[in-house]
Amino acid sequence: MVKKKQKGYFKKPTQVLNEVEVKKVNRIYKSLLEEMKKRGRKNG
């Protein structure tokens, strides 16, 4: 896979990423949310 900046990549990343990558991102996102909760931040 050649990494090039494509139009629409940032608009719909879920269509570009495969399921495994999406699961990785979701896991990281959840861990970040947990860290924010531990620090008592309420930024959305």
N, C-alpha and C. Protein backbone atom coordinates (compact mmCIF):
# COMPACT_ATOMS: atom_id res chain seq x y z
N MET A 1 0.84 -1.19 0.00
CA MET A 1 0.00 0.00 0.00
C MET A 1 0.87 1.24 0.00
N VAL A 2 0.66 2.10 -0.96
CA VAL A 2 1.42 3.33 -1.02
C VAL A 2 0.71 4.38 -0.19
N LYS A 3 1.46 5.00 0.73
CA LYS A 3 0.84 6.00 1.59
C LYS A 3 0.87 7.35 0.91
N LYS A 4 -0.27 7.77 0.44
CA LYS A 4 -0.40 9.10 -0.17
C LYS A 4 -1.61 9.79 0.43
N LYS A 5 -1.54 11.10 0.52
CA LYS A 5 -2.68 11.85 1.04
C LYS A 5 -3.75 11.89 -0.03
N GLN A 6 -4.85 11.22 0.24
CA GLN A 6 -5.93 11.15 -0.74
C GLN A 6 -7.08 12.05 -0.30
N LYS A 7 -7.79 12.59 -1.27
CA LYS A 7 -8.98 13.38 -0.94
C LYS A 7 -10.03 12.42 -0.37
N GLY A 8 -10.62 12.83 0.73
CA GLY A 8 -11.66 12.01 1.34
C GLY A 8 -11.11 11.05 2.37
N TYR A 9 -9.78 10.96 2.51
CA TYR A 9 -9.22 10.04 3.50
C TYR A 9 -9.60 10.49 4.90
N PHE A 10 -9.48 11.80 5.13
CA PHE A 10 -9.77 12.31 6.46
C PHE A 10 -11.28 12.51 6.65
N LYS A 11 -12.01 12.55 5.55
CA LYS A 11 -13.46 12.71 5.67
C LYS A 11 -14.11 11.40 6.12
N LYS A 12 -13.69 10.28 5.52
CA LYS A 12 -14.28 8.99 5.87
C LYS A 12 -13.18 7.96 6.11
N PRO A 13 -12.48 8.06 7.25
CA PRO A 13 -11.38 7.15 7.53
C PRO A 13 -11.82 5.71 7.73
N THR A 14 -13.07 5.52 8.17
CA THR A 14 -13.54 4.17 8.45
C THR A 14 -13.62 3.35 7.17
N GLN A 15 -13.80 4.01 6.04
CA GLN A 15 -13.87 3.28 4.79
C GLN A 15 -12.48 2.86 4.33
N VAL A 16 -11.46 3.63 4.76
CA VAL A 16 -10.10 3.32 4.34
C VAL A 16 -9.48 2.28 5.26
N LEU A 17 -9.72 2.44 6.56
CA LEU A 17 -9.15 1.50 7.52
C LEU A 17 -9.88 0.16 7.46
N ASN A 18 -9.13 -0.90 7.72
CA ASN A 18 -9.80 -2.20 7.81
C ASN A 18 -10.28 -2.40 9.24
N GLU A 19 -11.00 -3.45 9.49
CA GLU A 19 -11.63 -3.65 10.80
C GLU A 19 -10.60 -3.72 11.93
N VAL A 20 -9.46 -4.35 11.66
CA VAL A 20 -8.45 -4.50 12.71
C VAL A 20 -7.93 -3.13 13.14
N GLU A 21 -7.67 -2.27 12.16
CA GLU A 21 -7.16 -0.93 12.49
C GLU A 21 -8.22 -0.13 13.22
N VAL A 22 -9.47 -0.29 12.81
CA VAL A 22 -10.56 0.42 13.48
C VAL A 22 -10.65 -0.02 14.93
N LYS A 23 -10.51 -1.32 15.17
CA LYS A 23 -10.56 -1.83 16.54
C LYS A 23 -9.41 -1.28 17.36
N LYS A 24 -8.23 -1.18 16.74
CA LYS A 24 -7.07 -0.62 17.45
C LYS A 24 -7.36 0.82 17.85
N VAL A 25 -7.88 1.60 16.91
CA VAL A 25 -8.17 3.02 17.18
C VAL A 25 -9.21 3.13 18.28
N ASN A 26 -10.24 2.31 18.22
CA ASN A 26 -11.29 2.34 19.24
C ASN A 26 -10.72 2.01 20.61
N ARG A 27 -9.80 1.04 20.64
CA ARG A 27 -9.21 0.63 21.92
C ARG A 27 -8.39 1.78 22.49
N ILE A 28 -7.61 2.44 21.61
CA ILE A 28 -6.78 3.56 22.05
C ILE A 28 -7.68 4.70 22.53
N TYR A 29 -8.74 4.96 21.79
CA TYR A 29 -9.67 6.05 22.13
C TYR A 29 -10.30 5.79 23.49
N LYS A 30 -10.70 4.54 23.72
CA LYS A 30 -11.31 4.19 25.01
C LYS A 30 -10.30 4.38 26.14
N SER A 31 -9.05 3.98 25.91
CA SER A 31 -8.03 4.12 26.95
C SER A 31 -7.79 5.59 27.26
N LEU A 32 -7.83 6.43 26.20
CA LEU A 32 -7.65 7.88 26.41
C LEU A 32 -8.80 8.43 27.24
N LEU A 33 -10.02 7.98 26.95
CA LEU A 33 -11.18 8.44 27.72
C LEU A 33 -11.04 8.03 29.18
N GLU A 34 -10.55 6.81 29.41
CA GLU A 34 -10.37 6.33 30.79
C GLU A 34 -9.34 7.19 31.51
N GLU A 35 -8.26 7.56 30.80
CA GLU A 35 -7.23 8.40 31.41
C GLU A 35 -7.81 9.75 31.79
N MET A 36 -8.65 10.31 30.90
CA MET A 36 -9.26 11.61 31.17
C MET A 36 -10.18 11.51 32.38
N LYS A 37 -10.90 10.41 32.51
CA LYS A 37 -11.80 10.23 33.64
C LYS A 37 -10.99 10.14 34.94
N LYS A 38 -9.85 9.45 34.89
CA LYS A 38 -9.03 9.31 36.08
C LYS A 38 -8.50 10.67 36.53
N ARG A 39 -8.20 11.54 35.57
CA ARG A 39 -7.66 12.85 35.90
C ARG A 39 -8.76 13.84 36.25
N GLY A 40 -10.01 13.41 36.09
CA GLY A 40 -11.13 14.26 36.47
C GLY A 40 -11.41 15.37 35.48
N ARG A 41 -10.99 15.18 34.24
CA ARG A 41 -11.25 16.21 33.23
C ARG A 41 -12.62 15.97 32.60
N LYS A 42 -13.29 17.04 32.27
CA LYS A 42 -14.61 16.92 31.63
C LYS A 42 -14.62 17.77 30.37
N ASN A 43 -13.76 17.43 29.42
CA ASN A 43 -13.71 18.17 28.16
C ASN A 43 -14.45 17.38 27.09
N GLY A 44 -15.75 17.30 27.21
CA GLY A 44 -16.53 16.57 26.23
C GLY A 44 -16.38 15.10 26.42
